[in-house]
Amino acid sequence: MKIKKDDMVQVIAGKDKGKEGKVLSVDAKNNKVLVEGVNIVHKHSKPSMQNQQGGIIDKEAPIDLSNVMYLYKGKPVRVGFQGEKKDKVRVAKIDGKTEVID
């Protein structure tokens, strides 16, 4: 996976285009990411024992991995891998150059 938990990303498509946030979770099987403060949906909840009041709850919904780009030094960049299987590292591709992310 090119995007990991706690990475800063920018949304490049959809209703929240241009927004930035931290990745809260990654679903590799479905290629979805949950980004803090992005793709907010309203969930209607009935009153229950845990939630006596009920009402409308705002929460983040997952968005497709292809709709986000990694932020490196404040700029959205493409991410790739370099090295063999054991020594593989993530790199940011900036203007034809590659810089190691982690």
C-alpha atoms as a PDB file:
ATOM      1  CA  MET A   1       0.000   0.000   0.000  1.00  0.00           C
ATOM      2  CA  LYS A   2       1.361   3.400  -0.953  1.00  0.00           C
ATOM      3  CA  ILE A   3      -0.733   5.267   1.633  1.00  0.00           C
ATOM      4  CA  LYS A   4      -0.475   4.301   5.314  1.00  0.00           C
ATOM      5  CA  LYS A   5      -2.231   5.244   8.534  1.00  0.00           C
ATOM      6  CA  ASP A   6      -1.213   8.682   9.919  1.00  0.00           C
ATOM      7  CA  ASP A   7      -0.056   9.955   6.486  1.00  0.00           C
ATOM      8  CA  MET A   8      -1.158  13.441   5.442  1.00  0.00           C
ATOM      9  CA  VAL A   9      -3.093  13.361   2.175  1.00  0.00           C
ATOM     10  CA  GLN A  10      -4.976  15.746  -0.108  1.00  0.00           C
ATOM     11  CA  VAL A  11      -8.250  14.871  -1.850  1.00  0.00           C
ATOM     12  CA  ILE A  12      -7.916  15.284  -5.636  1.00  0.00           C
ATOM     13  CA  ALA A  13     -11.434  14.337  -6.768  1.00  0.00           C
ATOM     14  CA  GLY A  14     -15.011  14.489  -5.536  1.00  0.00           C
ATOM     15  CA  LYS A  15     -17.042  16.883  -3.424  1.00  0.00           C
ATOM     16  CA  ASP A  16     -14.155  17.471  -0.973  1.00  0.00           C
ATOM     17  CA  LYS A  17     -11.540  18.207  -3.660  1.00  0.00           C
ATOM     18  CA  GLY A  18      -8.633  20.232  -2.260  1.00  0.00           C
ATOM     19  CA  LYS A  19      -9.187  19.304   1.392  1.00  0.00           C
ATOM     20  CA  GLU A  20      -6.292  17.889   3.394  1.00  0.00           C
ATOM     21  CA  GLY A  21      -6.323  15.538   6.351  1.00  0.00           C
ATOM     22  CA  LYS A  22      -4.664  12.720   8.234  1.00  0.00           C
ATOM     23  CA  VAL A  23      -5.432   9.117   7.287  1.00  0.00           C
ATOM     24  CA  LEU A  24      -7.300   7.443  10.156  1.00  0.00           C
ATOM     25  CA  SER A  25      -7.481   3.951   8.645  1.00  0.00           C
ATOM     26  CA  VAL A  26      -6.733   2.068   5.441  1.00  0.00           C
ATOM     27  CA  ASP A  27      -8.813  -0.780   3.972  1.00  0.00           C
ATOM     28  CA  ALA A  28      -6.384  -2.509   1.601  1.00  0.00           C
ATOM     29  CA  LYS A  29      -8.900  -5.137   0.500  1.00  0.00           C
ATOM     30  CA  ASN A  30     -11.400  -2.561  -0.850  1.00  0.00           C
ATOM     31  CA  ASN A  31      -8.854   0.213  -1.663  1.00  0.00           C
ATOM     32  CA  LYS A  32     -10.544   2.686   0.695  1.00  0.00           C
ATOM     33  CA  VAL A  33      -9.127   5.211   3.163  1.00  0.00           C
ATOM     34  CA  LEU A  34     -10.749   7.089   6.026  1.00  0.00           C
ATOM     35  CA  VAL A  35      -9.485  10.690   6.135  1.00  0.00           C
ATOM     36  CA  GLU A  36     -10.027  13.000   9.100  1.00  0.00           C
ATOM     37  CA  GLY A  37     -12.518  15.789   8.310  1.00  0.00           C
ATOM     38  CA  VAL A  38     -13.229  14.594   4.751  1.00  0.00           C
ATOM     39  CA  ASN A  39     -16.385  13.019   3.255  1.00  0.00           C
ATOM     40  CA  ILE A  40     -18.604  13.809   6.244  1.00  0.00           C
ATOM     41  CA  VAL A  41     -21.954  11.977   6.216  1.00  0.00           C
ATOM     42  CA  HIS A  42     -24.989  12.272   8.498  1.00  0.00           C
ATOM     43  CA  LYS A  43     -25.975   9.123  10.393  1.00  0.00           C
ATOM     44  CA  HIS A  44     -29.447   9.086  11.932  1.00  0.00           C
ATOM     45  CA  SER A  45     -29.535   7.139  15.189  1.00  0.00           C
ATOM     46  CA  LYS A  46     -32.558   6.031  17.166  1.00  0.00           C
ATOM     47  CA  PRO A  47     -32.560   6.541  20.925  1.00  0.00           C
ATOM     48  CA  SER A  48     -31.086   3.514  22.706  1.00  0.00           C
ATOM     49  CA  MET A  49     -29.633   2.593  26.074  1.00  0.00           C
ATOM     50  CA  GLN A  50     -26.146   3.839  25.069  1.00  0.00           C
ATOM     51  CA  ASN A  51     -27.443   6.942  23.259  1.00  0.00           C
ATOM     52  CA  GLN A  52     -30.483   8.181  25.188  1.00  0.00           C
ATOM     53  CA  GLN A  53     -30.876  11.315  23.068  1.00  0.00           C
ATOM     54  CA  GLY A  54     -30.615   9.834  19.561  1.00  0.00           C
ATOM     55  CA  GLY A  55     -30.413  12.312  16.681  1.00  0.00           C
ATOM     56  CA  ILE A  56     -28.071  13.004  13.801  1.00  0.00           C
ATOM     57  CA  ILE A  57     -24.375  12.140  14.081  1.00  0.00           C
ATOM     58  CA  ASP A  58     -21.751  13.494  11.652  1.00  0.00           C
ATOM     59  CA  LYS A  59     -18.945  11.052  10.832  1.00  0.00           C
ATOM     60  CA  GLU A  60     -16.321  10.409   8.183  1.00  0.00           C
ATOM     61  CA  ALA A  61     -17.033   7.885   5.433  1.00  0.00           C
ATOM     62  CA  PRO A  62     -14.319   6.029   3.492  1.00  0.00           C
ATOM     63  CA  ILE A  63     -13.215   7.361   0.110  1.00  0.00           C
ATOM     64  CA  ASP A  64     -11.425   5.585  -2.705  1.00  0.00           C
ATOM     65  CA  LEU A  65      -7.643   5.412  -2.535  1.00  0.00           C
ATOM     66  CA  SER A  66      -7.353   6.763  -6.085  1.00  0.00           C
ATOM     67  CA  ASN A  67      -8.966  10.045  -4.976  1.00  0.00           C
ATOM     68  CA  VAL A  68      -6.158  11.020  -2.574  1.00  0.00           C
ATOM     69  CA  MET A  69      -2.508  12.006  -3.011  1.00  0.00           C
ATOM     70  CA  TYR A  70       0.255  11.877  -0.423  1.00  0.00           C
ATOM     71  CA  LEU A  71       1.416  15.264   0.902  1.00  0.00           C
ATOM     72  CA  TYR A  72       5.208  15.632   1.013  1.00  0.00           C
ATOM     73  CA  LYS A  73       6.463  18.956   2.394  1.00  0.00           C
ATOM     74  CA  GLY A  74       3.004  20.449   1.802  1.00  0.00           C
ATOM     75  CA  LYS A  75       2.747  19.394  -1.858  1.00  0.00           C
ATOM     76  CA  PRO A  76       0.756  16.472  -3.321  1.00  0.00           C
ATOM     77  CA  VAL A  77       3.168  13.958  -4.869  1.00  0.00           C
ATOM     78  CA  ARG A  78       3.120  10.516  -6.426  1.00  0.00           C
ATOM     79  CA  VAL A  79       4.408   7.696  -4.255  1.00  0.00           C
ATOM     80  CA  GLY A  80       6.385   4.688  -5.415  1.00  0.00           C
ATOM     81  CA  PHE A  81       8.634   1.975  -4.084  1.00  0.00           C
ATOM     82  CA  GLN A  82      12.356   1.502  -4.517  1.00  0.00           C
ATOM     83  CA  GLY A  83      14.616  -1.426  -3.689  1.00  0.00           C
ATOM     84  CA  GLU A  84      14.269  -5.163  -3.360  1.00  0.00           C
ATOM     85  CA  LYS A  85      11.628  -6.993  -1.314  1.00  0.00           C
ATOM     86  CA  LYS A  86      13.590  -6.881   1.950  1.00  0.00           C
ATOM     87  CA  ASP A  87      14.902  -3.325   1.545  1.00  0.00           C
ATOM     88  CA  LYS A  88      11.850  -1.772  -0.106  1.00  0.00           C
ATOM     89  CA  VAL A  89      11.198   1.875   0.870  1.00  0.00           C
ATOM     90  CA  ARG A  90       8.542   4.411  -0.104  1.00  0.00           C
ATOM     91  CA  VAL A  91       9.752   7.301  -2.225  1.00  0.00           C
ATOM     92  CA  ALA A  92       8.123  10.575  -3.318  1.00  0.00           C
ATOM     93  CA  LYS A  93       8.447  11.389  -7.018  1.00  0.00           C
ATOM     94  CA  ILE A  94       9.069  15.124  -7.418  1.00  0.00           C
ATOM     95  CA  ASP A  95       9.967  16.656 -10.804  1.00  0.00           C
ATOM     96  CA  GLY A  96      11.652  13.473 -12.020  1.00  0.00           C
ATOM     97  CA  LYS A  97      13.629  13.053  -8.790  1.00  0.00           C
ATOM     98  CA  THR A  98      12.910  10.587  -6.005  1.00  0.00           C
ATOM     99  CA  GLU A  99      13.209  11.288  -2.277  1.00  0.00           C
ATOM    100  CA  VAL A 100      12.852   8.668   0.444  1.00  0.00           C
ATOM    101  CA  ILE A 101       9.745   9.179   2.604  1.00  0.00           C
ATOM    102  CA  ASP A 102      10.361   6.587   5.313  1.00  0.00           C
END
